[in-house]
Amino acid sequence: MSDKGNNYKVEFENLSDGSLEIRYFDDYRDLSYRSWRVPKTVAEELTSWWERLRNKNVNFPIKEKAKMCEINMYTEKYIDIKELDSLGRFKMVGWSFPKAVVEELVNWDKKDK
């Protein structure tokens, strides 16, 4: 899924353990990529957050705490996510996605439903 004005490519794969693998290629012709494995609950929370945010005029930095994760956006290029446990404490797991990954995740999630 590459954007017509961009050279990147993003791929998603549902894994048997209930998580989602995300692959980001800097250039759609590349064979190498960055990869993340994310629980689907975190991915769903991230897409919901992005849909609420993307049409608003925002001031950086953004820091919001949701049920499953804390989402930080210090600049318009990257989104940092820290997963929370059931008591609201930070887990050792976290991710830093290029904004394009989150935008493609929203589009992919809509097609998947």
C-alpha atoms as a PDB file:
ATOM      1  CA  MET A   1       0.000   0.000   0.000  1.00  0.00           C
ATOM      2  CA  SER A   2       1.999   2.957  -1.134  1.00  0.00           C
ATOM      3  CA  ASP A   3       0.702   6.472  -1.349  1.00  0.00           C
ATOM      4  CA  LYS A   4       0.903   7.902  -4.879  1.00  0.00           C
ATOM      5  CA  GLY A   5       3.086  10.812  -3.741  1.00  0.00           C
ATOM      6  CA  ASN A   6       5.335   8.643  -1.576  1.00  0.00           C
ATOM      7  CA  ASN A   7       7.690   5.762  -2.209  1.00  0.00           C
ATOM      8  CA  TYR A   8       7.061   3.844   1.021  1.00  0.00           C
ATOM      9  CA  LYS A   9       5.112   0.603   1.323  1.00  0.00           C
ATOM     10  CA  VAL A  10       3.276  -0.770   4.353  1.00  0.00           C
ATOM     11  CA  GLU A  11       2.084  -4.364   4.751  1.00  0.00           C
ATOM     12  CA  PHE A  12      -0.059  -5.938   7.470  1.00  0.00           C
ATOM     13  CA  GLU A  13      -0.471  -9.560   8.450  1.00  0.00           C
ATOM     14  CA  ASN A  14      -2.835 -11.052  11.021  1.00  0.00           C
ATOM     15  CA  LEU A  15      -0.881 -13.571  13.078  1.00  0.00           C
ATOM     16  CA  SER A  16      -2.255 -16.765  14.615  1.00  0.00           C
ATOM     17  CA  ASP A  17      -1.585 -15.517  18.163  1.00  0.00           C
ATOM     18  CA  GLY A  18      -4.047 -12.638  17.679  1.00  0.00           C
ATOM     19  CA  SER A  19      -1.442  -9.967  17.060  1.00  0.00           C
ATOM     20  CA  LEU A  20      -0.710  -7.934  13.961  1.00  0.00           C
ATOM     21  CA  GLU A  21       2.609  -7.786  12.129  1.00  0.00           C
ATOM     22  CA  ILE A  22       3.353  -4.446  10.489  1.00  0.00           C
ATOM     23  CA  ARG A  23       6.075  -4.143   7.844  1.00  0.00           C
ATOM     24  CA  TYR A  24       7.327  -0.737   6.669  1.00  0.00           C
ATOM     25  CA  PHE A  25       9.490  -0.410   3.558  1.00  0.00           C
ATOM     26  CA  ASP A  26      11.180   2.992   3.096  1.00  0.00           C
ATOM     27  CA  ASP A  27      10.876   2.436  -0.650  1.00  0.00           C
ATOM     28  CA  TYR A  28       8.312   0.143  -2.259  1.00  0.00           C
ATOM     29  CA  ARG A  29      11.113  -1.519  -4.254  1.00  0.00           C
ATOM     30  CA  ASP A  30      13.157  -2.421  -1.142  1.00  0.00           C
ATOM     31  CA  LEU A  31      13.505  -6.005   0.004  1.00  0.00           C
ATOM     32  CA  SER A  32      14.415  -5.000   3.568  1.00  0.00           C
ATOM     33  CA  TYR A  33      11.927  -3.462   5.984  1.00  0.00           C
ATOM     34  CA  ARG A  34      11.241  -2.515   9.578  1.00  0.00           C
ATOM     35  CA  SER A  35       8.794  -4.789  11.330  1.00  0.00           C
ATOM     36  CA  TRP A  36       6.677  -4.599  14.469  1.00  0.00           C
ATOM     37  CA  ARG A  37       4.375  -7.064  16.195  1.00  0.00           C
ATOM     38  CA  VAL A  38       1.479  -5.325  17.924  1.00  0.00           C
ATOM     39  CA  PRO A  39      -1.494  -6.698  19.883  1.00  0.00           C
ATOM     40  CA  LYS A  40      -4.697  -6.093  17.920  1.00  0.00           C
ATOM     41  CA  THR A  41      -6.221  -4.263  20.885  1.00  0.00           C
ATOM     42  CA  VAL A  42      -3.393  -1.713  20.763  1.00  0.00           C
ATOM     43  CA  ALA A  43      -3.713  -1.398  16.965  1.00  0.00           C
ATOM     44  CA  GLU A  44      -7.470  -0.801  17.285  1.00  0.00           C
ATOM     45  CA  GLU A  45      -6.950   1.835  19.973  1.00  0.00           C
ATOM     46  CA  LEU A  46      -4.308   3.533  17.837  1.00  0.00           C
ATOM     47  CA  THR A  47      -6.575   3.666  14.755  1.00  0.00           C
ATOM     48  CA  SER A  48      -9.440   5.044  16.812  1.00  0.00           C
ATOM     49  CA  TRP A  49      -7.152   7.730  18.277  1.00  0.00           C
ATOM     50  CA  TRP A  50      -5.777   8.668  14.848  1.00  0.00           C
ATOM     51  CA  GLU A  51      -9.254   8.999  13.294  1.00  0.00           C
ATOM     52  CA  ARG A  52     -10.259  11.403  16.072  1.00  0.00           C
ATOM     53  CA  LEU A  53      -7.045  13.402  15.752  1.00  0.00           C
ATOM     54  CA  ARG A  54      -6.241  13.608  12.045  1.00  0.00           C
ATOM     55  CA  ASN A  55      -8.845  16.192  11.061  1.00  0.00           C
ATOM     56  CA  LYS A  56      -8.111  18.514  13.968  1.00  0.00           C
ATOM     57  CA  ASN A  57      -5.644  21.361  14.182  1.00  0.00           C
ATOM     58  CA  VAL A  58      -3.182  20.040  16.761  1.00  0.00           C
ATOM     59  CA  ASN A  59      -0.280  21.499  18.675  1.00  0.00           C
ATOM     60  CA  PHE A  60       2.742  19.329  19.364  1.00  0.00           C
ATOM     61  CA  PRO A  61       3.666  17.584  21.538  1.00  0.00           C
ATOM     62  CA  ILE A  62       0.578  15.396  21.974  1.00  0.00           C
ATOM     63  CA  LYS A  63       0.351  12.997  24.902  1.00  0.00           C
ATOM     64  CA  GLU A  64      -2.809  10.987  25.501  1.00  0.00           C
ATOM     65  CA  LYS A  65      -3.465   8.021  27.715  1.00  0.00           C
ATOM     66  CA  ALA A  66      -6.051   5.505  26.564  1.00  0.00           C
ATOM     67  CA  LYS A  67      -7.180   2.213  28.101  1.00  0.00           C
ATOM     68  CA  MET A  68      -4.487  -0.006  26.533  1.00  0.00           C
ATOM     69  CA  CYS A  69      -1.679   2.443  25.788  1.00  0.00           C
ATOM     70  CA  GLU A  70      -0.204   5.913  26.044  1.00  0.00           C
ATOM     71  CA  ILE A  71       0.272   7.682  22.720  1.00  0.00           C
ATOM     72  CA  ASN A  72       2.842  10.440  22.211  1.00  0.00           C
ATOM     73  CA  MET A  73       3.476  12.503  19.125  1.00  0.00           C
ATOM     74  CA  TYR A  74       6.329  14.967  19.519  1.00  0.00           C
ATOM     75  CA  THR A  75       6.502  15.915  15.835  1.00  0.00           C
ATOM     76  CA  GLU A  76       4.291  15.259  12.835  1.00  0.00           C
ATOM     77  CA  LYS A  77       6.532  12.415  11.581  1.00  0.00           C
ATOM     78  CA  TYR A  78       6.494   9.750  14.322  1.00  0.00           C
ATOM     79  CA  ILE A  79       4.010   8.333  16.804  1.00  0.00           C
ATOM     80  CA  ASP A  80       5.263   6.628  19.977  1.00  0.00           C
ATOM     81  CA  ILE A  81       3.115   4.071  21.777  1.00  0.00           C
ATOM     82  CA  LYS A  82       3.679   2.558  25.223  1.00  0.00           C
ATOM     83  CA  GLU A  83       1.501  -0.381  26.210  1.00  0.00           C
ATOM     84  CA  LEU A  84      -0.214  -0.390  29.615  1.00  0.00           C
ATOM     85  CA  ASP A  85      -1.103  -3.320  31.840  1.00  0.00           C
ATOM     86  CA  SER A  86      -4.547  -3.840  33.387  1.00  0.00           C
ATOM     87  CA  LEU A  87      -3.622  -1.540  36.292  1.00  0.00           C
ATOM     88  CA  GLY A  88      -2.514   1.315  34.020  1.00  0.00           C
ATOM     89  CA  ARG A  89       1.214   0.774  34.536  1.00  0.00           C
ATOM     90  CA  PHE A  90       3.657   0.837  31.641  1.00  0.00           C
ATOM     91  CA  LYS A  91       4.741  -2.490  30.213  1.00  0.00           C
ATOM     92  CA  MET A  92       8.236  -2.975  28.862  1.00  0.00           C
ATOM     93  CA  VAL A  93       6.784  -2.982  25.339  1.00  0.00           C
ATOM     94  CA  GLY A  94       6.563   0.102  23.161  1.00  0.00           C
ATOM     95  CA  TRP A  95       6.668   1.127  19.511  1.00  0.00           C
ATOM     96  CA  SER A  96       7.653   4.124  17.419  1.00  0.00           C
ATOM     97  CA  PHE A  97       5.863   4.248  14.063  1.00  0.00           C
ATOM     98  CA  PRO A  98       6.289   6.597  11.137  1.00  0.00           C
ATOM     99  CA  LYS A  99       3.027   8.520  10.697  1.00  0.00           C
ATOM    100  CA  ALA A 100       2.502   6.748   7.349  1.00  0.00           C
ATOM    101  CA  VAL A 101       2.171   3.412   9.160  1.00  0.00           C
ATOM    102  CA  VAL A 102      -0.698   4.690  11.294  1.00  0.00           C
ATOM    103  CA  GLU A 103      -2.441   6.279   8.296  1.00  0.00           C
ATOM    104  CA  GLU A 104      -2.184   3.011   6.345  1.00  0.00           C
ATOM    105  CA  LEU A 105      -3.353   1.061   9.415  1.00  0.00           C
ATOM    106  CA  VAL A 106      -6.561   3.098   9.511  1.00  0.00           C
ATOM    107  CA  ASN A 107      -7.181   2.420   5.806  1.00  0.00           C
ATOM    108  CA  TRP A 108      -6.384  -1.282   6.201  1.00  0.00           C
ATOM    109  CA  ASP A 109      -8.623  -1.580   9.272  1.00  0.00           C
ATOM    110  CA  LYS A 110     -11.578  -0.123   7.347  1.00  0.00           C
ATOM    111  CA  LYS A 111     -11.059  -2.634   4.496  1.00  0.00           C
ATOM    112  CA  ASP A 112     -10.721  -5.507   6.962  1.00  0.00           C
ATOM    113  CA  LYS A 113     -14.170  -4.877   8.497  1.00  0.00           C
END
